[in-house]
Amino acid sequence: MFSLATPPLFARLKRANNVLIAGAGGGFDVFAGIPLGVALRDLGKRVHYASLSFSDLERLDLDAWLEPGLAAVGPETSGEDAYFPERELARFLNDTVYAFPRTGVRPLRSAYRTIIRKHDIDAIVLVDGGTDILLRGDEQHLGTPTEDMTSLAAVTGVDGLTKVVTSLGFGIDAHHGVCHAHVLENLAALDKQGAYLGALSIPSDSHEARAYTTAVRQAQEATPLSPSIVNGQIAASLQGEFGNVQFTTRTEGSELFVNPLMGVYFSVDLDALARSVHYLPALQNTRTAFDVALAIEDYRESVDDRRPKRALPH
């Protein structure tokens, strides 16, 4: 049983000593785990970071590779300068960040198991920048599910440790057609199962928030042509900004809605979430990202009765 005085997310991770925070959706998603990682380290836990990468990992030196599906990226790792979120995070942390190339579920699960053995990991937190990882498959629009669901399927197949999914950036995926009434409906269904770990706001005036906004700003300065739109909005929300806050030419022509809900972690039990995703069993034996995308497309073509979009009350 949880308590108001102890956030369920931290109650679930209380007994963990070595925590892996992994970006589920690729790219800069892993940055959304920084506030949580800072808080866990303050509690005396060892925290490691990993990212399903969109970077050009083929440019890495051979000695960066631990196995074909897993690279160790440090602050001085050579690679692309215009876009390399894993190296920017490694520079901020002054530590190693693991990078997974875009693959299917089976190679990704193998890479996770390598990290687990190497660092005696006893808890994994999959972090999504946005909320599309919380969709079940019968919604009108799924956002960008391929990487999120590859990560979810890979980790649900790993046993013997605590597994959590947390999302940061509520509302951001509206740009990709996600209906956030469906997100809340799915969270309610998970709550009925005892699998919802609550909503936890990151205090704007906290060192966790300052660490995060500093990391995002440094990454924006290092990659001015491809800054993270998701993390940029979350960081703006944690600095008290509201509304159409523009910080990059990449969003010109789009009206943003930066708001305080973007700085809230929504967390669930990973295995329960995996069981709620209707098509996840079809992904288990995939080997490439194309296989995953094709399996999702096949499922979507078979779904005739999709939940209609509905607006949040206002």
C-alpha atoms as a PDB file:
ATOM      1  CA  MET A   1       0.000   0.000   0.000  1.00  0.00           C
ATOM      2  CA  PHE A   2       1.260   3.459  -0.935  1.00  0.00           C
ATOM      3  CA  SER A   3       1.070   6.648   1.097  1.00  0.00           C
ATOM      4  CA  LEU A   4       0.517  10.289   0.225  1.00  0.00           C
ATOM      5  CA  ALA A   5       3.708  11.104   2.127  1.00  0.00           C
ATOM      6  CA  THR A   6       5.830   8.783  -0.035  1.00  0.00           C
ATOM      7  CA  PRO A   7       5.397   9.090  -3.823  1.00  0.00           C
ATOM      8  CA  PRO A   8       4.618   5.640  -5.259  1.00  0.00           C
ATOM      9  CA  LEU A   9       7.373   6.002  -7.859  1.00  0.00           C
ATOM     10  CA  PHE A  10      10.005   6.304  -5.149  1.00  0.00           C
ATOM     11  CA  ALA A  11       8.331   3.656  -3.007  1.00  0.00           C
ATOM     12  CA  ARG A  12       8.643   1.232  -5.923  1.00  0.00           C
ATOM     13  CA  LEU A  13      12.344   2.059  -6.331  1.00  0.00           C
ATOM     14  CA  LYS A  14      13.149   2.173  -2.604  1.00  0.00           C
ATOM     15  CA  ARG A  15      14.971  -1.160  -2.451  1.00  0.00           C
ATOM     16  CA  ALA A  16      16.887  -0.719  -5.686  1.00  0.00           C
ATOM     17  CA  ASN A  17      20.603  -0.009  -5.462  1.00  0.00           C
ATOM     18  CA  ASN A  18      21.582   0.172  -9.140  1.00  0.00           C
ATOM     19  CA  VAL A  19      19.055   1.885 -11.389  1.00  0.00           C
ATOM     20  CA  LEU A  20      19.160   2.098 -15.176  1.00  0.00           C
ATOM     21  CA  ILE A  21      17.280   5.082 -16.630  1.00  0.00           C
ATOM     22  CA  ALA A  22      16.682   4.512 -20.327  1.00  0.00           C
ATOM     23  CA  GLY A  23      15.161   6.743 -22.980  1.00  0.00           C
ATOM     24  CA  ALA A  24      12.354   4.698 -24.479  1.00  0.00           C
ATOM     25  CA  GLY A  25      11.525   6.682 -27.583  1.00  0.00           C
ATOM     26  CA  GLY A  26      14.967   7.479 -28.868  1.00  0.00           C
ATOM     27  CA  GLY A  27      16.891  10.678 -29.337  1.00  0.00           C
ATOM     28  CA  PHE A  28      16.705  13.105 -26.425  1.00  0.00           C
ATOM     29  CA  ASP A  29      14.104  11.080 -24.466  1.00  0.00           C
ATOM     30  CA  VAL A  30      16.734  10.029 -21.933  1.00  0.00           C
ATOM     31  CA  PHE A  31      17.171  13.676 -20.880  1.00  0.00           C
ATOM     32  CA  ALA A  32      13.677  13.513 -19.366  1.00  0.00           C
ATOM     33  CA  GLY A  33      15.118  11.079 -16.820  1.00  0.00           C
ATOM     34  CA  ILE A  34      17.671  13.534 -15.440  1.00  0.00           C
ATOM     35  CA  PRO A  35      15.509  14.956 -12.598  1.00  0.00           C
ATOM     36  CA  LEU A  36      14.640  11.445 -11.462  1.00  0.00           C
ATOM     37  CA  GLY A  37      18.265  10.347 -11.728  1.00  0.00           C
ATOM     38  CA  VAL A  38      19.468  13.298  -9.653  1.00  0.00           C
ATOM     39  CA  ALA A  39      16.903  12.530  -6.942  1.00  0.00           C
ATOM     40  CA  LEU A  40      17.846   8.843  -6.873  1.00  0.00           C
ATOM     41  CA  ARG A  41      21.536   9.648  -6.566  1.00  0.00           C
ATOM     42  CA  ASP A  42      20.747  11.932  -3.651  1.00  0.00           C
ATOM     43  CA  LEU A  43      19.179   8.880  -2.029  1.00  0.00           C
ATOM     44  CA  GLY A  44      22.477   7.022  -2.370  1.00  0.00           C
ATOM     45  CA  LYS A  45      21.607   4.927  -5.399  1.00  0.00           C
ATOM     46  CA  ARG A  46      23.911   4.302  -8.354  1.00  0.00           C
ATOM     47  CA  VAL A  47      22.280   5.562 -11.537  1.00  0.00           C
ATOM     48  CA  HIS A  48      23.190   4.657 -15.114  1.00  0.00           C
ATOM     49  CA  TYR A  49      21.747   6.036 -18.342  1.00  0.00           C
ATOM     50  CA  ALA A  50      20.978   4.478 -21.721  1.00  0.00           C
ATOM     51  CA  SER A  51      19.321   5.696 -24.894  1.00  0.00           C
ATOM     52  CA  LEU A  52      17.714   4.162 -27.944  1.00  0.00           C
ATOM     53  CA  SER A  53      19.707   6.254 -30.358  1.00  0.00           C
ATOM     54  CA  PHE A  54      18.887   8.185 -33.517  1.00  0.00           C
ATOM     55  CA  SER A  55      22.542   9.216 -33.787  1.00  0.00           C
ATOM     56  CA  ASP A  56      24.860   8.005 -36.527  1.00  0.00           C
ATOM     57  CA  LEU A  57      26.466   5.312 -34.405  1.00  0.00           C
ATOM     58  CA  GLU A  58      28.263   3.859 -37.415  1.00  0.00           C
ATOM     59  CA  ARG A  59      30.797   6.659 -36.974  1.00  0.00           C
ATOM     60  CA  LEU A  60      31.873   5.376 -33.566  1.00  0.00           C
ATOM     61  CA  ASP A  61      35.272   3.777 -33.122  1.00  0.00           C
ATOM     62  CA  LEU A  62      35.224   0.004 -32.805  1.00  0.00           C
ATOM     63  CA  ASP A  63      36.346   0.134 -29.181  1.00  0.00           C
ATOM     64  CA  ALA A  64      33.111   1.956 -28.252  1.00  0.00           C
ATOM     65  CA  TRP A  65      31.084  -1.158 -29.012  1.00  0.00           C
ATOM     66  CA  LEU A  66      30.466  -3.675 -26.246  1.00  0.00           C
ATOM     67  CA  GLU A  67      28.450  -5.844 -28.660  1.00  0.00           C
ATOM     68  CA  PRO A  68      26.765  -5.196 -32.028  1.00  0.00           C
ATOM     69  CA  GLY A  69      23.687  -3.677 -30.371  1.00  0.00           C
ATOM     70  CA  LEU A  70      25.323  -1.710 -27.564  1.00  0.00           C
ATOM     71  CA  ALA A  71      27.815   1.164 -27.510  1.00  0.00           C
ATOM     72  CA  ALA A  72      29.377   2.985 -24.558  1.00  0.00           C
ATOM     73  CA  VAL A  73      29.500   6.738 -25.176  1.00  0.00           C
ATOM     74  CA  GLY A  74      31.748   8.980 -23.096  1.00  0.00           C
ATOM     75  CA  PRO A  75      32.347  12.738 -23.038  1.00  0.00           C
ATOM     76  CA  GLU A  76      35.191  12.425 -25.562  1.00  0.00           C
ATOM     77  CA  THR A  77      33.682   9.778 -27.838  1.00  0.00           C
ATOM     78  CA  SER A  78      34.133  10.676 -31.480  1.00  0.00           C
ATOM     79  CA  GLY A  79      31.064  10.936 -33.687  1.00  0.00           C
ATOM     80  CA  GLU A  80      28.644  13.299 -35.330  1.00  0.00           C
ATOM     81  CA  ASP A  81      28.843  16.865 -34.032  1.00  0.00           C
ATOM     82  CA  ALA A  82      25.485  18.177 -35.285  1.00  0.00           C
ATOM     83  CA  TYR A  83      23.354  15.603 -33.452  1.00  0.00           C
ATOM     84  CA  PHE A  84      24.590  13.273 -30.714  1.00  0.00           C
ATOM     85  CA  PRO A  85      22.306  13.410 -27.634  1.00  0.00           C
ATOM     86  CA  GLU A  86      24.100  10.548 -25.885  1.00  0.00           C
ATOM     87  CA  ARG A  87      27.442  12.352 -25.980  1.00  0.00           C
ATOM     88  CA  GLU A  88      25.851  15.609 -24.829  1.00  0.00           C
ATOM     89  CA  LEU A  89      24.398  13.789 -21.840  1.00  0.00           C
ATOM     90  CA  ALA A  90      27.718  12.043 -21.177  1.00  0.00           C
ATOM     91  CA  ARG A  91      29.423  15.447 -21.156  1.00  0.00           C
ATOM     92  CA  PHE A  92      26.858  16.857 -18.741  1.00  0.00           C
ATOM     93  CA  LEU A  93      27.190  13.869 -16.419  1.00  0.00           C
ATOM     94  CA  ASN A  94      30.912  13.378 -17.032  1.00  0.00           C
ATOM     95  CA  ASP A  95      30.078   9.704 -17.240  1.00  0.00           C
ATOM     96  CA  THR A  96      29.254   6.925 -19.688  1.00  0.00           C
ATOM     97  CA  VAL A  97      25.890   6.820 -21.442  1.00  0.00           C
ATOM     98  CA  TYR A  98      24.933   3.622 -23.240  1.00  0.00           C
ATOM     99  CA  ALA A  99      23.524   3.861 -26.759  1.00  0.00           C
ATOM    100  CA  PHE A 100      21.374   1.284 -28.528  1.00  0.00           C
ATOM    101  CA  PRO A 101      21.128   1.405 -32.333  1.00  0.00           C
ATOM    102  CA  ARG A 102      17.606   1.213 -33.735  1.00  0.00           C
ATOM    103  CA  THR A 103      16.837  -2.491 -33.921  1.00  0.00           C
ATOM    104  CA  GLY A 104      14.054  -4.902 -33.187  1.00  0.00           C
ATOM    105  CA  VAL A 105      13.105  -6.303 -29.816  1.00  0.00           C
ATOM    106  CA  ARG A 106      15.403  -9.320 -29.639  1.00  0.00           C
ATOM    107  CA  PRO A 107      18.727  -7.462 -30.170  1.00  0.00           C
ATOM    108  CA  LEU A 108      17.618  -4.663 -27.852  1.00  0.00           C
ATOM    109  CA  ARG A 109      16.727  -7.103 -25.082  1.00  0.00           C
ATOM    110  CA  SER A 110      20.162  -8.685 -25.408  1.00  0.00           C
ATOM    111  CA  ALA A 111      21.792  -5.275 -25.015  1.00  0.00           C
ATOM    112  CA  TYR A 112      19.723  -4.537 -21.906  1.00  0.00           C
ATOM    113  CA  ARG A 113      20.799  -7.831 -20.394  1.00  0.00           C
ATOM    114  CA  THR A 114      24.457  -6.932 -20.996  1.00  0.00           C
ATOM    115  CA  ILE A 115      24.067  -3.670 -19.044  1.00  0.00           C
ATOM    116  CA  ILE A 116      22.171  -5.478 -16.285  1.00  0.00           C
ATOM    117  CA  ARG A 117      25.007  -7.964 -15.842  1.00  0.00           C
ATOM    118  CA  LYS A 118      27.725  -5.335 -16.093  1.00  0.00           C
ATOM    119  CA  HIS A 119      26.280  -3.057 -13.404  1.00  0.00           C
ATOM    120  CA  ASP A 120      24.197  -5.471 -11.335  1.00  0.00           C
ATOM    121  CA  ILE A 121      21.083  -3.482 -12.279  1.00  0.00           C
ATOM    122  CA  ASP A 122      18.098  -4.181 -10.049  1.00  0.00           C
ATOM    123  CA  ALA A 123      15.669  -1.574 -11.437  1.00  0.00           C
ATOM    124  CA  ILE A 124      14.960  -0.164 -14.894  1.00  0.00           C
ATOM    125  CA  VAL A 125      13.005   3.020 -15.527  1.00  0.00           C
ATOM    126  CA  LEU A 126      11.928   3.573 -19.118  1.00  0.00           C
ATOM    127  CA  VAL A 127      11.462   7.299 -19.691  1.00  0.00           C
ATOM    128  CA  ASP A 128       9.298   8.752 -22.445  1.00  0.00           C
ATOM    129  CA  GLY A 129       9.434  12.395 -23.444  1.00  0.00           C
ATOM    130  CA  GLY A 130       5.716  12.724 -24.096  1.00  0.00           C
ATOM    131  CA  THR A 131       2.921  10.253 -23.407  1.00  0.00           C
ATOM    132  CA  ASP A 132       2.552   8.017 -26.461  1.00  0.00           C
ATOM    133  CA  ILE A 133       4.183   5.098 -24.645  1.00  0.00           C
ATOM    134  CA  LEU A 134       0.961   4.957 -22.589  1.00  0.00           C
ATOM    135  CA  LEU A 135      -1.255   4.187 -25.593  1.00  0.00           C
ATOM    136  CA  ARG A 136      -2.767   0.722 -26.026  1.00  0.00           C
ATOM    137  CA  GLY A 137      -3.159   0.524 -29.802  1.00  0.00           C
ATOM    138  CA  ASP A 138      -6.909   1.038 -30.284  1.00  0.00           C
ATOM    139  CA  GLU A 139      -6.710   4.842 -30.174  1.00  0.00           C
ATOM    140  CA  GLN A 140      -7.296   6.999 -33.253  1.00  0.00           C
ATOM    141  CA  HIS A 141      -3.641   8.052 -33.370  1.00  0.00           C
ATOM    142  CA  LEU A 142      -0.596   6.435 -31.719  1.00  0.00           C
ATOM    143  CA  GLY A 143       1.926   9.249 -32.040  1.00  0.00           C
ATOM    144  CA  THR A 144       5.334   7.746 -32.845  1.00  0.00           C
ATOM    145  CA  PRO A 145       5.127   4.270 -31.311  1.00  0.00           C
ATOM    146  CA  THR A 146       7.903   2.271 -32.995  1.00  0.00           C
ATOM    147  CA  GLU A 147      10.796   3.040 -30.659  1.00  0.00           C
ATOM    148  CA  ASP A 148       8.668   3.280 -27.497  1.00  0.00           C
ATOM    149  CA  MET A 149       7.123  -0.133 -28.097  1.00  0.00           C
ATOM    150  CA  THR A 150      10.438  -1.719 -29.050  1.00  0.00           C
ATOM    151  CA  SER A 151      11.823  -0.580 -25.693  1.00  0.00           C
ATOM    152  CA  LEU A 152       8.711  -1.658 -23.791  1.00  0.00           C
ATOM    153  CA  ALA A 153       8.666  -5.109 -25.386  1.00  0.00           C
ATOM    154  CA  ALA A 154      12.395  -5.575 -24.831  1.00  0.00           C
ATOM    155  CA  VAL A 155      12.329  -4.733 -21.128  1.00  0.00           C
ATOM    156  CA  THR A 156       9.136  -6.617 -20.299  1.00  0.00           C
ATOM    157  CA  GLY A 157      10.977  -9.757 -21.398  1.00  0.00           C
ATOM    158  CA  VAL A 158      13.668  -9.243 -18.745  1.00  0.00           C
ATOM    159  CA  ASP A 159      12.830 -10.828 -15.405  1.00  0.00           C
ATOM    160  CA  GLY A 160      14.087 -10.513 -11.831  1.00  0.00           C
ATOM    161  CA  LEU A 161      14.144  -6.742 -11.338  1.00  0.00           C
ATOM    162  CA  THR A 162      11.896  -3.751 -10.721  1.00  0.00           C
ATOM    163  CA  LYS A 163      10.529  -2.215 -13.918  1.00  0.00           C
ATOM    164  CA  VAL A 164       8.787   1.145 -14.236  1.00  0.00           C
ATOM    165  CA  VAL A 165       7.669   3.400 -17.087  1.00  0.00           C
ATOM    166  CA  THR A 166       7.471   7.134 -16.532  1.00  0.00           C
ATOM    167  CA  SER A 167       6.492   9.859 -18.978  1.00  0.00           C
ATOM    168  CA  LEU A 168       7.300  13.555 -18.818  1.00  0.00           C
ATOM    169  CA  GLY A 169       5.734  16.179 -21.054  1.00  0.00           C
ATOM    170  CA  PHE A 170       1.963  15.745 -20.857  1.00  0.00           C
ATOM    171  CA  GLY A 171       0.320  17.389 -23.863  1.00  0.00           C
ATOM    172  CA  ILE A 172       3.363  17.534 -26.131  1.00  0.00           C
ATOM    173  CA  ASP A 173       2.237  14.607 -28.300  1.00  0.00           C
ATOM    174  CA  ALA A 174      -0.900  16.473 -29.371  1.00  0.00           C
ATOM    175  CA  HIS A 175       1.313  17.624 -32.254  1.00  0.00           C
ATOM    176  CA  HIS A 176       1.360  13.973 -33.408  1.00  0.00           C
ATOM    177  CA  GLY A 177      -2.387  13.510 -33.022  1.00  0.00           C
ATOM    178  CA  VAL A 178      -2.360  11.871 -29.586  1.00  0.00           C
ATOM    179  CA  CYS A 179      -5.643  12.251 -27.710  1.00  0.00           C
ATOM    180  CA  HIS A 180      -4.739  12.967 -24.101  1.00  0.00           C
ATOM    181  CA  ALA A 181      -8.203  11.984 -22.909  1.00  0.00           C
ATOM    182  CA  HIS A 182      -7.190   8.485 -24.050  1.00  0.00           C
ATOM    183  CA  VAL A 183      -3.951   8.786 -22.090  1.00  0.00           C
ATOM    184  CA  LEU A 184      -5.918   9.595 -18.934  1.00  0.00           C
ATOM    185  CA  GLU A 185      -8.396   6.795 -19.660  1.00  0.00           C
ATOM    186  CA  ASN A 186      -5.518   4.330 -19.974  1.00  0.00           C
ATOM    187  CA  LEU A 187      -3.981   5.533 -16.718  1.00  0.00           C
ATOM    188  CA  ALA A 188      -7.334   5.057 -14.996  1.00  0.00           C
ATOM    189  CA  ALA A 189      -7.532   1.485 -16.297  1.00  0.00           C
ATOM    190  CA  LEU A 190      -4.037   0.787 -14.975  1.00  0.00           C
ATOM    191  CA  ASP A 191      -5.028   2.336 -11.648  1.00  0.00           C
ATOM    192  CA  LYS A 192      -7.831  -0.222 -11.336  1.00  0.00           C
ATOM    193  CA  GLN A 193      -5.140  -2.905 -11.542  1.00  0.00           C
ATOM    194  CA  GLY A 194      -2.967  -1.217  -8.917  1.00  0.00           C
ATOM    195  CA  ALA A 195      -0.388  -0.444 -11.607  1.00  0.00           C
ATOM    196  CA  TYR A 196      -0.572   3.363 -11.655  1.00  0.00           C
ATOM    197  CA  LEU A 197       2.283   4.893  -9.672  1.00  0.00           C
ATOM    198  CA  GLY A 198       0.897   8.396  -9.613  1.00  0.00           C
ATOM    199  CA  ALA A 199       1.683  11.846 -10.940  1.00  0.00           C
ATOM    200  CA  LEU A 200       4.709  13.576  -9.454  1.00  0.00           C
ATOM    201  CA  SER A 201       5.471  17.221 -10.147  1.00  0.00           C
ATOM    202  CA  ILE A 202       9.110  18.293 -10.391  1.00  0.00           C
ATOM    203  CA  PRO A 203       9.436  21.410  -8.203  1.00  0.00           C
ATOM    204  CA  SER A 204      10.660  24.258 -10.379  1.00  0.00           C
ATOM    205  CA  ASP A 205      12.766  25.633  -7.529  1.00  0.00           C
ATOM    206  CA  SER A 206      14.726  22.417  -6.962  1.00  0.00           C
ATOM    207  CA  HIS A 207      18.218  21.272  -7.809  1.00  0.00           C
ATOM    208  CA  GLU A 208      16.667  18.424  -9.830  1.00  0.00           C
ATOM    209  CA  ALA A 209      14.913  20.963 -12.063  1.00  0.00           C
ATOM    210  CA  ARG A 210      18.016  23.141 -12.284  1.00  0.00           C
ATOM    211  CA  ALA A 211      20.153  20.167 -13.292  1.00  0.00           C
ATOM    212  CA  TYR A 212      17.652  19.264 -15.982  1.00  0.00           C
ATOM    213  CA  THR A 213      17.254  22.752 -17.424  1.00  0.00           C
ATOM    214  CA  THR A 214      21.031  23.199 -17.419  1.00  0.00           C
ATOM    215  CA  ALA A 215      21.516  19.929 -19.298  1.00  0.00           C
ATOM    216  CA  VAL A 216      18.842  20.856 -21.842  1.00  0.00           C
ATOM    217  CA  ARG A 217      20.339  24.310 -22.374  1.00  0.00           C
ATOM    218  CA  GLN A 218      23.837  22.897 -22.877  1.00  0.00           C
ATOM    219  CA  ALA A 219      22.514  20.365 -25.381  1.00  0.00           C
ATOM    220  CA  GLN A 220      20.634  23.108 -27.231  1.00  0.00           C
ATOM    221  CA  GLU A 221      23.815  25.171 -27.472  1.00  0.00           C
ATOM    222  CA  ALA A 222      25.792  22.169 -28.723  1.00  0.00           C
ATOM    223  CA  THR A 223      23.168  21.163 -31.317  1.00  0.00           C
ATOM    224  CA  PRO A 224      21.592  24.458 -32.449  1.00  0.00           C
ATOM    225  CA  LEU A 225      20.235  22.969 -35.683  1.00  0.00           C
ATOM    226  CA  SER A 226      18.487  20.054 -33.972  1.00  0.00           C
ATOM    227  CA  PRO A 227      17.572  20.920 -30.376  1.00  0.00           C
ATOM    228  CA  SER A 228      15.022  18.746 -28.606  1.00  0.00           C
ATOM    229  CA  ILE A 229      11.566  20.229 -29.121  1.00  0.00           C
ATOM    230  CA  VAL A 230      10.136  17.997 -26.397  1.00  0.00           C
ATOM    231  CA  ASN A 231      12.716  18.725 -23.716  1.00  0.00           C
ATOM    232  CA  GLY A 232      12.830  22.385 -24.671  1.00  0.00           C
ATOM    233  CA  GLN A 233       9.133  22.711 -23.854  1.00  0.00           C
ATOM    234  CA  ILE A 234       9.459  20.742 -20.621  1.00  0.00           C
ATOM    235  CA  ALA A 235      12.403  22.898 -19.553  1.00  0.00           C
ATOM    236  CA  ALA A 236      10.419  26.046 -20.355  1.00  0.00           C
ATOM    237  CA  SER A 237       7.529  24.776 -18.228  1.00  0.00           C
ATOM    238  CA  LEU A 238       9.923  24.225 -15.310  1.00  0.00           C
ATOM    239  CA  GLN A 239      11.024  27.857 -15.621  1.00  0.00           C
ATOM    240  CA  GLY A 240       7.487  29.186 -15.269  1.00  0.00           C
ATOM    241  CA  GLU A 241       6.844  29.796 -18.957  1.00  0.00           C
ATOM    242  CA  PHE A 242       3.375  29.381 -20.424  1.00  0.00           C
ATOM    243  CA  GLY A 243       1.765  29.266 -23.828  1.00  0.00           C
ATOM    244  CA  ASN A 244       3.396  29.662 -27.224  1.00  0.00           C
ATOM    245  CA  VAL A 245       7.018  29.704 -26.050  1.00  0.00           C
ATOM    246  CA  GLN A 246       9.261  29.533 -29.117  1.00  0.00           C
ATOM    247  CA  PHE A 247      12.911  28.592 -28.596  1.00  0.00           C
ATOM    248  CA  THR A 248      13.930  27.117 -31.962  1.00  0.00           C
ATOM    249  CA  THR A 249      13.193  27.748 -35.630  1.00  0.00           C
ATOM    250  CA  ARG A 250      12.141  24.086 -35.844  1.00  0.00           C
ATOM    251  CA  THR A 251       8.745  25.008 -34.369  1.00  0.00           C
ATOM    252  CA  GLU A 252       8.093  28.060 -36.544  1.00  0.00           C
ATOM    253  CA  GLY A 253       4.534  27.959 -37.797  1.00  0.00           C
ATOM    254  CA  SER A 254       3.385  25.771 -34.898  1.00  0.00           C
ATOM    255  CA  GLU A 255       1.602  27.105 -31.830  1.00  0.00           C
ATOM    256  CA  LEU A 256       3.020  25.537 -28.675  1.00  0.00           C
ATOM    257  CA  PHE A 257       1.163  25.186 -25.398  1.00  0.00           C
ATOM    258  CA  VAL A 258       3.820  25.116 -22.691  1.00  0.00           C
ATOM    259  CA  ASN A 259       2.166  24.577 -19.317  1.00  0.00           C
ATOM    260  CA  PRO A 260       2.867  23.246 -15.798  1.00  0.00           C
ATOM    261  CA  LEU A 261       1.560  19.726 -16.585  1.00  0.00           C
ATOM    262  CA  MET A 262       4.599  19.202 -18.784  1.00  0.00           C
ATOM    263  CA  GLY A 263       6.753  19.058 -15.647  1.00  0.00           C
ATOM    264  CA  VAL A 264       4.857  16.128 -14.144  1.00  0.00           C
ATOM    265  CA  TYR A 265       6.042  12.499 -14.172  1.00  0.00           C
ATOM    266  CA  PHE A 266       3.213  10.026 -14.853  1.00  0.00           C
ATOM    267  CA  SER A 267       4.453   6.583 -13.799  1.00  0.00           C
ATOM    268  CA  VAL A 268       3.158   3.036 -14.165  1.00  0.00           C
ATOM    269  CA  ASP A 269       4.251  -0.529 -13.626  1.00  0.00           C
ATOM    270  CA  LEU A 270       6.064  -1.586 -16.796  1.00  0.00           C
ATOM    271  CA  ASP A 271       4.787  -5.146 -17.064  1.00  0.00           C
ATOM    272  CA  ALA A 272       1.173  -4.078 -16.497  1.00  0.00           C
ATOM    273  CA  LEU A 273       1.514  -1.439 -19.189  1.00  0.00           C
ATOM    274  CA  ALA A 274       3.008  -4.015 -21.556  1.00  0.00           C
ATOM    275  CA  ARG A 275       0.054  -6.335 -20.993  1.00  0.00           C
ATOM    276  CA  SER A 276      -2.329  -3.519 -21.922  1.00  0.00           C
ATOM    277  CA  VAL A 277      -0.733  -2.918 -25.332  1.00  0.00           C
ATOM    278  CA  HIS A 278      -2.777  -5.115 -27.657  1.00  0.00           C
ATOM    279  CA  TYR A 279      -0.126  -5.733 -30.312  1.00  0.00           C
ATOM    280  CA  LEU A 280       2.974  -6.101 -28.132  1.00  0.00           C
ATOM    281  CA  PRO A 281       3.134  -9.928 -28.411  1.00  0.00           C
ATOM    282  CA  ALA A 282       3.592  -9.518 -32.172  1.00  0.00           C
ATOM    283  CA  LEU A 283       6.813  -7.579 -31.579  1.00  0.00           C
ATOM    284  CA  GLN A 284       8.603 -10.110 -29.386  1.00  0.00           C
ATOM    285  CA  ASN A 285      10.623 -11.837 -32.126  1.00  0.00           C
ATOM    286  CA  THR A 286      11.414  -8.792 -34.248  1.00  0.00           C
ATOM    287  CA  ARG A 287      15.037  -8.140 -35.178  1.00  0.00           C
ATOM    288  CA  THR A 288      14.879  -4.806 -36.980  1.00  0.00           C
ATOM    289  CA  ALA A 289      13.065  -1.501 -36.520  1.00  0.00           C
ATOM    290  CA  PHE A 290      11.370  -2.163 -39.855  1.00  0.00           C
ATOM    291  CA  ASP A 291       9.970  -5.425 -38.471  1.00  0.00           C
ATOM    292  CA  VAL A 292       8.496  -3.518 -35.529  1.00  0.00           C
ATOM    293  CA  ALA A 293       6.941  -0.817 -37.708  1.00  0.00           C
ATOM    294  CA  LEU A 294       5.458  -3.454 -40.015  1.00  0.00           C
ATOM    295  CA  ALA A 295       3.942  -5.409 -37.103  1.00  0.00           C
ATOM    296  CA  ILE A 296       2.332  -2.231 -35.729  1.00  0.00           C
ATOM    297  CA  GLU A 297       0.990  -1.354 -39.163  1.00  0.00           C
ATOM    298  CA  ASP A 298      -0.449  -4.859 -39.598  1.00  0.00           C
ATOM    299  CA  TYR A 299      -2.198  -4.588 -36.244  1.00  0.00           C
ATOM    300  CA  ARG A 300      -3.593  -1.146 -37.004  1.00  0.00           C
ATOM    301  CA  GLU A 301      -5.052  -2.361 -40.281  1.00  0.00           C
ATOM    302  CA  SER A 302      -6.889  -5.099 -38.363  1.00  0.00           C
ATOM    303  CA  VAL A 303      -8.517  -2.690 -35.882  1.00  0.00           C
ATOM    304  CA  ASP A 304     -11.897  -1.515 -37.133  1.00  0.00           C
ATOM    305  CA  ASP A 305     -13.308  -0.199 -33.856  1.00  0.00           C
ATOM    306  CA  ARG A 306     -10.918   2.515 -32.721  1.00  0.00           C
ATOM    307  CA  ARG A 307     -11.789   4.668 -29.749  1.00  0.00           C
ATOM    308  CA  PRO A 308     -13.079   8.033 -30.994  1.00  0.00           C
ATOM    309  CA  LYS A 309     -11.121  11.121 -30.066  1.00  0.00           C
ATOM    310  CA  ARG A 310     -12.617  13.224 -27.296  1.00  0.00           C
ATOM    311  CA  ALA A 311     -11.701  16.608 -25.940  1.00  0.00           C
ATOM    312  CA  LEU A 312     -10.623  17.221 -22.385  1.00  0.00           C
ATOM    313  CA  PRO A 313     -13.226  19.308 -20.497  1.00  0.00           C
ATOM    314  CA  HIS A 314     -12.406  22.991 -20.403  1.00  0.00           C
END
